[in-house]
Amino acid sequence: MIKFSILIANYNNGKYFRDCYNSLISQTYGSWEVIIVDDASTDDSVEQIKGIIQNDPRFRLYKNATNQGCGYTKRECMKYAKGEICAYLDPDDALYSDALEKTAEEFTKNDITAAYSQMMLCDENLNQNKVYASTKQIYNSRYFFNCPTQFAHFFTFKKETYLKTSGINPNLKSAVDQDLYLKILEHGNVKYIKEPLYLYRLHSNGISQHNFKQGAKESFAKVIHDAMKRRGISKINNKIVPDVYTDAQEIYELLNYQTQKLHRLINKVKVTFNI
């Protein structure tokens, strides 16, 4: 039976953790562990989380001595993971009760490195609103950069694949997940599960919900440029990839063609006929 490591990087989200916890202990699939790393929260997150998980041996809680940021904390989570399949779950979000079971089926049936699903957008109280519309079935090639975003949560991946990469960049404060997706996808196939397995809470404190802040756009562009260099891409659509990153707009302009209908249509045909 495949074992999952569910990885939770927490910072000041203890008040939402009860829903996250309830969704984990309600899983229809039995083989899993949860690794929680708290990034020196300034609220009572650690006390709240300890009170909820109590002595359940499936949950392990670790703490950063000082605040280090998202990239460092998510990398720390991976250090403690013992499962064959890993996935990040934000402490203010939750999983559908059959999320792990349906994901395990895909890894059992298919020769894949990763799997991802749709996600359900919810209000602050985790009441379901609508499925996030941008999640699509992707054509994975060296020119895929998830820009515009076509997948996000629920992203699961083989630990053995992660160990083939340089891992999560500990210096990143945002675009951490994007960096991970691109690194993992360079090592194998990915399966799209066309149903929501992840409940995504929209609230004012959510860091990732300010995705279009200049800083986040800058980080995302740097992550894409790193992937281009890692993949040895010197030209995209007859435009030269800069040797050194200087400007976010320069990177996004290289990828403008990927938003065009013809490009999308060609990729859809490639996916459908497995070209």
C-alpha atoms as a PDB file:
ATOM      1  CA  MET A   1       0.000   0.000   0.000  1.00  0.00           C
ATOM      2  CA  ILE A   2       1.450   3.362  -1.063  1.00  0.00           C
ATOM      3  CA  LYS A   3       2.183   5.677   1.866  1.00  0.00           C
ATOM      4  CA  PHE A   4       1.460   9.400   1.599  1.00  0.00           C
ATOM      5  CA  SER A   5       3.316  12.194   3.353  1.00  0.00           C
ATOM      6  CA  ILE A   6       1.039  15.208   3.706  1.00  0.00           C
ATOM      7  CA  LEU A   7       3.235  18.266   4.260  1.00  0.00           C
ATOM      8  CA  ILE A   8       1.970  21.354   6.069  1.00  0.00           C
ATOM      9  CA  ALA A   9       3.977  24.568   6.356  1.00  0.00           C
ATOM     10  CA  ASN A  10       2.244  26.734   8.940  1.00  0.00           C
ATOM     11  CA  TYR A  11       2.550  30.397   9.788  1.00  0.00           C
ATOM     12  CA  ASN A  12      -0.182  32.005  11.920  1.00  0.00           C
ATOM     13  CA  ASN A  13      -2.937  29.745  10.575  1.00  0.00           C
ATOM     14  CA  GLY A  14      -3.610  27.654  13.673  1.00  0.00           C
ATOM     15  CA  LYS A  15      -7.149  29.016  13.948  1.00  0.00           C
ATOM     16  CA  TYR A  16      -8.070  27.302  10.668  1.00  0.00           C
ATOM     17  CA  PHE A  17      -6.296  24.012  11.347  1.00  0.00           C
ATOM     18  CA  ARG A  18      -9.287  22.137  12.826  1.00  0.00           C
ATOM     19  CA  ASP A  19     -10.930  21.827   9.380  1.00  0.00           C
ATOM     20  CA  CYS A  20      -7.652  20.682   7.858  1.00  0.00           C
ATOM     21  CA  TYR A  21      -7.214  18.064  10.595  1.00  0.00           C
ATOM     22  CA  ASN A  22     -10.793  16.786  10.306  1.00  0.00           C
ATOM     23  CA  SER A  23     -10.363  16.300   6.558  1.00  0.00           C
ATOM     24  CA  LEU A  24      -7.213  14.227   7.146  1.00  0.00           C
ATOM     25  CA  ILE A  25      -8.588  11.897   9.804  1.00  0.00           C
ATOM     26  CA  SER A  26     -11.674  11.397   7.594  1.00  0.00           C
ATOM     27  CA  GLN A  27      -9.673   9.979   4.664  1.00  0.00           C
ATOM     28  CA  THR A  28     -11.014   6.751   3.179  1.00  0.00           C
ATOM     29  CA  TYR A  29      -7.395   5.737   2.507  1.00  0.00           C
ATOM     30  CA  GLY A  30      -5.415   4.501   5.487  1.00  0.00           C
ATOM     31  CA  SER A  31      -1.695   4.779   4.748  1.00  0.00           C
ATOM     32  CA  TRP A  32      -0.533   8.322   5.460  1.00  0.00           C
ATOM     33  CA  GLU A  33       1.456  10.570   7.766  1.00  0.00           C
ATOM     34  CA  VAL A  34       1.344  14.320   8.322  1.00  0.00           C
ATOM     35  CA  ILE A  35       4.445  16.495   8.735  1.00  0.00           C
ATOM     36  CA  ILE A  36       3.823  19.996  10.113  1.00  0.00           C
ATOM     37  CA  VAL A  37       6.567  22.608  10.282  1.00  0.00           C
ATOM     38  CA  ASP A  38       5.700  25.877  12.013  1.00  0.00           C
ATOM     39  CA  ASP A  39       7.638  28.898  10.763  1.00  0.00           C
ATOM     40  CA  ALA A  40       7.976  30.678  14.138  1.00  0.00           C
ATOM     41  CA  SER A  41       4.337  31.789  14.239  1.00  0.00           C
ATOM     42  CA  THR A  42       3.595  34.908  16.276  1.00  0.00           C
ATOM     43  CA  ASP A  43       0.123  33.748  17.300  1.00  0.00           C
ATOM     44  CA  ASP A  44      -0.873  30.649  19.298  1.00  0.00           C
ATOM     45  CA  SER A  45      -0.688  28.336  16.262  1.00  0.00           C
ATOM     46  CA  VAL A  46       1.648  25.820  17.879  1.00  0.00           C
ATOM     47  CA  GLU A  47      -0.532  25.487  20.979  1.00  0.00           C
ATOM     48  CA  GLN A  48      -3.672  25.151  18.861  1.00  0.00           C
ATOM     49  CA  ILE A  49      -2.159  22.529  16.579  1.00  0.00           C
ATOM     50  CA  LYS A  50      -0.708  20.567  19.522  1.00  0.00           C
ATOM     51  CA  GLY A  51      -4.130  20.585  21.177  1.00  0.00           C
ATOM     52  CA  ILE A  52      -5.778  19.224  18.046  1.00  0.00           C
ATOM     53  CA  ILE A  53      -3.287  16.483  17.083  1.00  0.00           C
ATOM     54  CA  GLN A  54      -2.556  15.560  20.735  1.00  0.00           C
ATOM     55  CA  ASN A  55      -0.845  12.161  20.827  1.00  0.00           C
ATOM     56  CA  ASP A  56      -1.825  10.921  17.364  1.00  0.00           C
ATOM     57  CA  PRO A  57       1.405   9.311  16.068  1.00  0.00           C
ATOM     58  CA  ARG A  58       0.379   9.969  12.440  1.00  0.00           C
ATOM     59  CA  PHE A  59       1.066  13.683  13.009  1.00  0.00           C
ATOM     60  CA  ARG A  60       4.531  15.118  13.680  1.00  0.00           C
ATOM     61  CA  LEU A  61       5.072  18.789  14.522  1.00  0.00           C
ATOM     62  CA  TYR A  62       8.385  20.625  14.105  1.00  0.00           C
ATOM     63  CA  LYS A  63       9.277  24.301  14.608  1.00  0.00           C
ATOM     64  CA  ASN A  64      11.705  26.714  12.979  1.00  0.00           C
ATOM     65  CA  ALA A  65      13.691  28.592  15.622  1.00  0.00           C
ATOM     66  CA  THR A  66      13.204  31.832  13.666  1.00  0.00           C
ATOM     67  CA  ASN A  67      10.915  32.889  10.825  1.00  0.00           C
ATOM     68  CA  GLN A  68      12.465  31.670   7.564  1.00  0.00           C
ATOM     69  CA  GLY A  69       9.736  32.023   4.940  1.00  0.00           C
ATOM     70  CA  CYS A  70       7.734  29.674   2.758  1.00  0.00           C
ATOM     71  CA  GLY A  71      10.501  28.104   0.646  1.00  0.00           C
ATOM     72  CA  TYR A  72      12.685  27.205   3.619  1.00  0.00           C
ATOM     73  CA  THR A  73       9.749  25.798   5.613  1.00  0.00           C
ATOM     74  CA  LYS A  74       8.398  23.667   2.771  1.00  0.00           C
ATOM     75  CA  ARG A  75      11.893  22.317   2.163  1.00  0.00           C
ATOM     76  CA  GLU A  76      12.101  21.427   5.864  1.00  0.00           C
ATOM     77  CA  CYS A  77       8.849  19.459   5.532  1.00  0.00           C
ATOM     78  CA  MET A  78      10.434  17.265   2.858  1.00  0.00           C
ATOM     79  CA  LYS A  79      13.359  16.439   5.156  1.00  0.00           C
ATOM     80  CA  TYR A  80      11.015  14.586   7.501  1.00  0.00           C
ATOM     81  CA  ALA A  81       8.801  12.882   4.882  1.00  0.00           C
ATOM     82  CA  LYS A  82       8.864   9.063   4.910  1.00  0.00           C
ATOM     83  CA  GLY A  83       6.081   8.353   2.407  1.00  0.00           C
ATOM     84  CA  GLU A  84       6.529   7.356  -1.243  1.00  0.00           C
ATOM     85  CA  ILE A  85       4.065  10.042  -2.391  1.00  0.00           C
ATOM     86  CA  CYS A  86       4.215  13.599  -1.052  1.00  0.00           C
ATOM     87  CA  ALA A  87       1.777  16.490  -1.239  1.00  0.00           C
ATOM     88  CA  TYR A  88       1.518  19.933   0.304  1.00  0.00           C
ATOM     89  CA  LEU A  89      -1.658  20.942   2.100  1.00  0.00           C
ATOM     90  CA  ASP A  90      -2.014  24.457   3.456  1.00  0.00           C
ATOM     91  CA  PRO A  91      -3.185  24.529   7.108  1.00  0.00           C
ATOM     92  CA  ASP A  92      -6.129  26.780   6.236  1.00  0.00           C
ATOM     93  CA  ASP A  93      -7.334  24.405   3.485  1.00  0.00           C
ATOM     94  CA  ALA A  94      -8.703  20.850   3.478  1.00  0.00           C
ATOM     95  CA  LEU A  95      -9.011  17.682   1.405  1.00  0.00           C
ATOM     96  CA  TYR A  96     -12.032  15.790   0.179  1.00  0.00           C
ATOM     97  CA  SER A  97     -12.349  12.557   2.152  1.00  0.00           C
ATOM     98  CA  ASP A  98     -11.475  10.407  -0.897  1.00  0.00           C
ATOM     99  CA  ALA A  99      -8.574  12.574  -2.111  1.00  0.00           C
ATOM    100  CA  LEU A 100      -5.813  10.162  -1.120  1.00  0.00           C
ATOM    101  CA  GLU A 101      -7.696   7.077  -2.276  1.00  0.00           C
ATOM    102  CA  LYS A 102      -8.353   8.488  -5.747  1.00  0.00           C
ATOM    103  CA  THR A 103      -4.785   9.759  -6.052  1.00  0.00           C
ATOM    104  CA  ALA A 104      -3.319   6.406  -4.975  1.00  0.00           C
ATOM    105  CA  GLU A 105      -5.345   4.701  -7.722  1.00  0.00           C
ATOM    106  CA  GLU A 106      -3.696   6.894 -10.355  1.00  0.00           C
ATOM    107  CA  PHE A 107      -0.179   6.122  -9.141  1.00  0.00           C
ATOM    108  CA  THR A 108      -1.017   2.403  -9.067  1.00  0.00           C
ATOM    109  CA  LYS A 109      -2.518   2.325 -12.574  1.00  0.00           C
ATOM    110  CA  ASN A 110      -0.156   4.697 -14.402  1.00  0.00           C
ATOM    111  CA  ASP A 111       3.564   5.219 -14.915  1.00  0.00           C
ATOM    112  CA  ILE A 112       3.582   8.765 -13.578  1.00  0.00           C
ATOM    113  CA  THR A 113       5.776  11.077 -11.573  1.00  0.00           C
ATOM    114  CA  ALA A 114       2.967  13.318 -10.333  1.00  0.00           C
ATOM    115  CA  ALA A 115      -0.791  13.795 -10.300  1.00  0.00           C
ATOM    116  CA  TYR A 116      -2.934  16.888  -9.840  1.00  0.00           C
ATOM    117  CA  SER A 117      -6.652  17.575  -9.493  1.00  0.00           C
ATOM    118  CA  GLN A 118      -9.133  20.394  -9.662  1.00  0.00           C
ATOM    119  CA  MET A 119      -9.762  22.450  -6.556  1.00  0.00           C
ATOM    120  CA  MET A 120     -12.919  23.853  -5.025  1.00  0.00           C
ATOM    121  CA  LEU A 121     -12.889  27.530  -4.065  1.00  0.00           C
ATOM    122  CA  CYS A 122     -14.510  28.119  -0.675  1.00  0.00           C
ATOM    123  CA  ASP A 123     -15.375  31.074   1.525  1.00  0.00           C
ATOM    124  CA  GLU A 124     -13.704  31.828   4.841  1.00  0.00           C
ATOM    125  CA  ASN A 125     -15.851  29.196   6.571  1.00  0.00           C
ATOM    126  CA  LEU A 126     -14.934  26.566   3.961  1.00  0.00           C
ATOM    127  CA  ASN A 127     -18.382  26.645   2.367  1.00  0.00           C
ATOM    128  CA  GLN A 128     -17.993  25.490  -1.214  1.00  0.00           C
ATOM    129  CA  ASN A 129     -18.407  28.128  -3.892  1.00  0.00           C
ATOM    130  CA  LYS A 130     -17.150  26.995  -7.309  1.00  0.00           C
ATOM    131  CA  VAL A 131     -14.470  24.902  -8.984  1.00  0.00           C
ATOM    132  CA  TYR A 132     -11.340  26.872  -9.863  1.00  0.00           C
ATOM    133  CA  ALA A 133     -11.758  27.315 -13.619  1.00  0.00           C
ATOM    134  CA  SER A 134      -8.128  27.615 -14.726  1.00  0.00           C
ATOM    135  CA  THR A 135      -7.092  24.049 -13.916  1.00  0.00           C
ATOM    136  CA  LYS A 136      -6.643  22.219 -17.227  1.00  0.00           C
ATOM    137  CA  GLN A 137      -5.177  19.044 -18.611  1.00  0.00           C
ATOM    138  CA  ILE A 138      -1.687  20.047 -19.663  1.00  0.00           C
ATOM    139  CA  TYR A 139       0.695  18.923 -22.372  1.00  0.00           C
ATOM    140  CA  ASN A 140       3.933  18.393 -20.498  1.00  0.00           C
ATOM    141  CA  SER A 141       6.946  19.421 -22.553  1.00  0.00           C
ATOM    142  CA  ARG A 142      10.175  21.298 -21.892  1.00  0.00           C
ATOM    143  CA  TYR A 143       8.303  24.440 -22.996  1.00  0.00           C
ATOM    144  CA  PHE A 144       5.557  24.095 -20.378  1.00  0.00           C
ATOM    145  CA  PHE A 145       5.953  26.671 -17.598  1.00  0.00           C
ATOM    146  CA  ASN A 146       2.444  26.746 -16.074  1.00  0.00           C
ATOM    147  CA  CYS A 147       2.096  30.336 -17.263  1.00  0.00           C
ATOM    148  CA  PRO A 148      -0.774  31.120 -17.423  1.00  0.00           C
ATOM    149  CA  THR A 149      -1.537  28.881 -14.449  1.00  0.00           C
ATOM    150  CA  GLN A 150      -3.183  25.647 -15.521  1.00  0.00           C
ATOM    151  CA  PHE A 151      -2.731  23.571 -12.411  1.00  0.00           C
ATOM    152  CA  ALA A 152      -2.272  24.108  -8.715  1.00  0.00           C
ATOM    153  CA  HIS A 153      -3.747  21.993  -5.874  1.00  0.00           C
ATOM    154  CA  PHE A 154      -4.018  19.026  -5.286  1.00  0.00           C
ATOM    155  CA  PHE A 155      -0.455  18.277  -6.540  1.00  0.00           C
ATOM    156  CA  THR A 156       1.066  14.951  -5.475  1.00  0.00           C
ATOM    157  CA  PHE A 157       4.496  13.669  -6.455  1.00  0.00           C
ATOM    158  CA  LYS A 158       6.900  10.785  -5.903  1.00  0.00           C
ATOM    159  CA  LYS A 159       9.508  11.408  -3.246  1.00  0.00           C
ATOM    160  CA  GLU A 160      12.091   9.548  -5.359  1.00  0.00           C
ATOM    161  CA  THR A 161      11.501  12.088  -8.140  1.00  0.00           C
ATOM    162  CA  TYR A 162      11.900  15.022  -5.752  1.00  0.00           C
ATOM    163  CA  LEU A 163      15.279  13.623  -4.698  1.00  0.00           C
ATOM    164  CA  LYS A 164      16.437  13.764  -8.328  1.00  0.00           C
ATOM    165  CA  THR A 165      15.911  17.546  -8.337  1.00  0.00           C
ATOM    166  CA  SER A 166      17.660  20.331  -6.449  1.00  0.00           C
ATOM    167  CA  GLY A 167      14.560  20.416  -4.247  1.00  0.00           C
ATOM    168  CA  ILE A 168      12.517  23.380  -3.117  1.00  0.00           C
ATOM    169  CA  ASN A 169      14.459  26.628  -3.244  1.00  0.00           C
ATOM    170  CA  PRO A 170      14.763  27.719   0.420  1.00  0.00           C
ATOM    171  CA  ASN A 171      15.281  31.354  -0.584  1.00  0.00           C
ATOM    172  CA  LEU A 172      11.899  31.720  -2.296  1.00  0.00           C
ATOM    173  CA  LYS A 173       9.195  33.596  -0.405  1.00  0.00           C
ATOM    174  CA  SER A 174       6.590  33.151  -3.157  1.00  0.00           C
ATOM    175  CA  ALA A 175       6.174  31.026  -6.337  1.00  0.00           C
ATOM    176  CA  VAL A 176       7.451  28.122  -4.221  1.00  0.00           C
ATOM    177  CA  ASP A 177       4.862  25.678  -5.566  1.00  0.00           C
ATOM    178  CA  GLN A 178       5.462  26.783  -9.171  1.00  0.00           C
ATOM    179  CA  ASP A 179       9.161  26.069  -8.763  1.00  0.00           C
ATOM    180  CA  LEU A 180       8.398  22.602  -7.408  1.00  0.00           C
ATOM    181  CA  TYR A 181       5.922  21.765 -10.213  1.00  0.00           C
ATOM    182  CA  LEU A 182       8.412  22.647 -12.941  1.00  0.00           C
ATOM    183  CA  LYS A 183      11.226  20.662 -11.346  1.00  0.00           C
ATOM    184  CA  ILE A 184       9.086  17.552 -10.843  1.00  0.00           C
ATOM    185  CA  LEU A 185       7.604  17.680 -14.353  1.00  0.00           C
ATOM    186  CA  GLU A 186      11.091  17.562 -15.864  1.00  0.00           C
ATOM    187  CA  HIS A 187      11.360  13.937 -14.710  1.00  0.00           C
ATOM    188  CA  GLY A 188       8.233  12.221 -15.979  1.00  0.00           C
ATOM    189  CA  ASN A 189       4.559  12.155 -16.829  1.00  0.00           C
ATOM    190  CA  VAL A 190       1.762  13.798 -14.881  1.00  0.00           C
ATOM    191  CA  LYS A 191      -1.860  12.665 -14.533  1.00  0.00           C
ATOM    192  CA  TYR A 192      -4.820  15.080 -14.403  1.00  0.00           C
ATOM    193  CA  ILE A 193      -7.683  14.041 -12.096  1.00  0.00           C
ATOM    194  CA  LYS A 194     -10.678  15.913 -13.466  1.00  0.00           C
ATOM    195  CA  GLU A 195     -12.549  16.472 -10.240  1.00  0.00           C
ATOM    196  CA  PRO A 196     -11.923  18.594  -7.162  1.00  0.00           C
ATOM    197  CA  LEU A 197     -10.016  16.861  -4.381  1.00  0.00           C
ATOM    198  CA  TYR A 198      -8.875  20.024  -2.588  1.00  0.00           C
ATOM    199  CA  LEU A 199     -10.855  22.659  -0.684  1.00  0.00           C
ATOM    200  CA  TYR A 200      -9.186  26.075  -1.023  1.00  0.00           C
ATOM    201  CA  ARG A 201     -10.199  28.667   1.561  1.00  0.00           C
ATOM    202  CA  LEU A 202     -10.359  32.288   0.404  1.00  0.00           C
ATOM    203  CA  HIS A 203      -9.700  34.707   3.245  1.00  0.00           C
ATOM    204  CA  SER A 204      -7.976  38.023   3.796  1.00  0.00           C
ATOM    205  CA  ASN A 205      -4.892  36.518   5.467  1.00  0.00           C
ATOM    206  CA  GLY A 206      -4.050  34.115   2.650  1.00  0.00           C
ATOM    207  CA  ILE A 207      -0.584  34.895   1.245  1.00  0.00           C
ATOM    208  CA  SER A 208      -1.104  33.030  -2.037  1.00  0.00           C
ATOM    209  CA  GLN A 209      -4.297  34.928  -2.738  1.00  0.00           C
ATOM    210  CA  HIS A 210      -2.300  38.042  -3.623  1.00  0.00           C
ATOM    211  CA  ASN A 211      -0.767  36.266  -6.589  1.00  0.00           C
ATOM    212  CA  PHE A 212      -0.543  39.327  -8.766  1.00  0.00           C
ATOM    213  CA  LYS A 213       1.449  41.463  -6.400  1.00  0.00           C
ATOM    214  CA  GLN A 214       4.596  42.716  -8.066  1.00  0.00           C
ATOM    215  CA  GLY A 215       6.816  40.666  -5.784  1.00  0.00           C
ATOM    216  CA  ALA A 216       4.988  37.438  -6.619  1.00  0.00           C
ATOM    217  CA  LYS A 217       5.080  38.203 -10.354  1.00  0.00           C
ATOM    218  CA  GLU A 218       8.801  38.813 -10.043  1.00  0.00           C
ATOM    219  CA  SER A 219       9.374  35.507  -8.216  1.00  0.00           C
ATOM    220  CA  PHE A 220       7.293  33.581 -10.739  1.00  0.00           C
ATOM    221  CA  ALA A 221       9.301  35.092 -13.617  1.00  0.00           C
ATOM    222  CA  LYS A 222      12.588  34.157 -11.918  1.00  0.00           C
ATOM    223  CA  VAL A 223      11.362  30.606 -11.380  1.00  0.00           C
ATOM    224  CA  ILE A 224      10.437  30.337 -15.063  1.00  0.00           C
ATOM    225  CA  HIS A 225      13.819  31.725 -16.132  1.00  0.00           C
ATOM    226  CA  ASP A 226      15.581  29.224 -13.857  1.00  0.00           C
ATOM    227  CA  ALA A 227      13.594  26.423 -15.518  1.00  0.00           C
ATOM    228  CA  MET A 228      14.539  27.673 -18.984  1.00  0.00           C
ATOM    229  CA  LYS A 229      18.235  27.660 -18.071  1.00  0.00           C
ATOM    230  CA  ARG A 230      17.953  24.276 -16.335  1.00  0.00           C
ATOM    231  CA  ARG A 231      16.357  22.809 -19.453  1.00  0.00           C
ATOM    232  CA  GLY A 232      19.005  24.287 -21.746  1.00  0.00           C
ATOM    233  CA  ILE A 233      16.510  26.435 -23.667  1.00  0.00           C
ATOM    234  CA  SER A 234      18.242  29.272 -25.506  1.00  0.00           C
ATOM    235  CA  LYS A 235      15.316  30.293 -27.746  1.00  0.00           C
ATOM    236  CA  ILE A 236      11.549  30.223 -27.381  1.00  0.00           C
ATOM    237  CA  ASN A 237       9.344  30.884 -30.393  1.00  0.00           C
ATOM    238  CA  ASN A 238      12.398  32.378 -32.167  1.00  0.00           C
ATOM    239  CA  LYS A 239      13.050  34.794 -29.295  1.00  0.00           C
ATOM    240  CA  ILE A 240      16.311  34.619 -27.358  1.00  0.00           C
ATOM    241  CA  VAL A 241      16.179  33.627 -23.692  1.00  0.00           C
ATOM    242  CA  PRO A 242      18.381  36.041 -21.711  1.00  0.00           C
ATOM    243  CA  ASP A 243      21.420  34.491 -20.047  1.00  0.00           C
ATOM    244  CA  VAL A 244      20.836  36.499 -16.895  1.00  0.00           C
ATOM    245  CA  TYR A 245      17.462  37.407 -15.403  1.00  0.00           C
ATOM    246  CA  THR A 246      16.857  41.157 -15.298  1.00  0.00           C
ATOM    247  CA  ASP A 247      13.183  41.852 -15.915  1.00  0.00           C
ATOM    248  CA  ALA A 248       9.915  39.962 -15.284  1.00  0.00           C
ATOM    249  CA  GLN A 249       8.171  41.430 -18.315  1.00  0.00           C
ATOM    250  CA  GLU A 250      10.934  40.155 -20.586  1.00  0.00           C
ATOM    251  CA  ILE A 251      10.214  36.590 -19.412  1.00  0.00           C
ATOM    252  CA  TYR A 252       6.440  36.899 -19.715  1.00  0.00           C
ATOM    253  CA  GLU A 253       6.770  38.272 -23.250  1.00  0.00           C
ATOM    254  CA  LEU A 254       8.656  35.121 -24.239  1.00  0.00           C
ATOM    255  CA  LEU A 255       5.570  33.133 -23.304  1.00  0.00           C
ATOM    256  CA  ASN A 256       2.837  35.329 -24.801  1.00  0.00           C
ATOM    257  CA  TYR A 257       2.325  32.859 -27.656  1.00  0.00           C
ATOM    258  CA  GLN A 258       1.238  30.205 -25.142  1.00  0.00           C
ATOM    259  CA  THR A 259      -1.957  32.119 -24.397  1.00  0.00           C
ATOM    260  CA  GLN A 260      -3.058  32.064 -28.043  1.00  0.00           C
ATOM    261  CA  LYS A 261      -5.931  29.816 -29.093  1.00  0.00           C
ATOM    262  CA  LEU A 262      -3.950  27.994 -31.772  1.00  0.00           C
ATOM    263  CA  HIS A 263      -1.228  27.006 -29.309  1.00  0.00           C
ATOM    264  CA  ARG A 264      -3.844  25.790 -26.819  1.00  0.00           C
ATOM    265  CA  LEU A 265      -5.637  23.828 -29.547  1.00  0.00           C
ATOM    266  CA  ILE A 266      -2.424  22.127 -30.715  1.00  0.00           C
ATOM    267  CA  ASN A 267      -1.606  21.107 -27.141  1.00  0.00           C
ATOM    268  CA  LYS A 268      -5.128  19.791 -26.622  1.00  0.00           C
ATOM    269  CA  VAL A 269      -4.774  17.598 -29.722  1.00  0.00           C
ATOM    270  CA  LYS A 270      -1.377  16.341 -28.508  1.00  0.00           C
ATOM    271  CA  VAL A 271      -2.860  15.414 -25.122  1.00  0.00           C
ATOM    272  CA  THR A 272      -5.929  13.746 -26.657  1.00  0.00           C
ATOM    273  CA  PHE A 273      -3.943  11.596 -29.075  1.00  0.00           C
ATOM    274  CA  ASN A 274      -0.945  11.141 -26.758  1.00  0.00           C
ATOM    275  CA  ILE A 275       1.473  12.558 -29.341  1.00  0.00           C
END
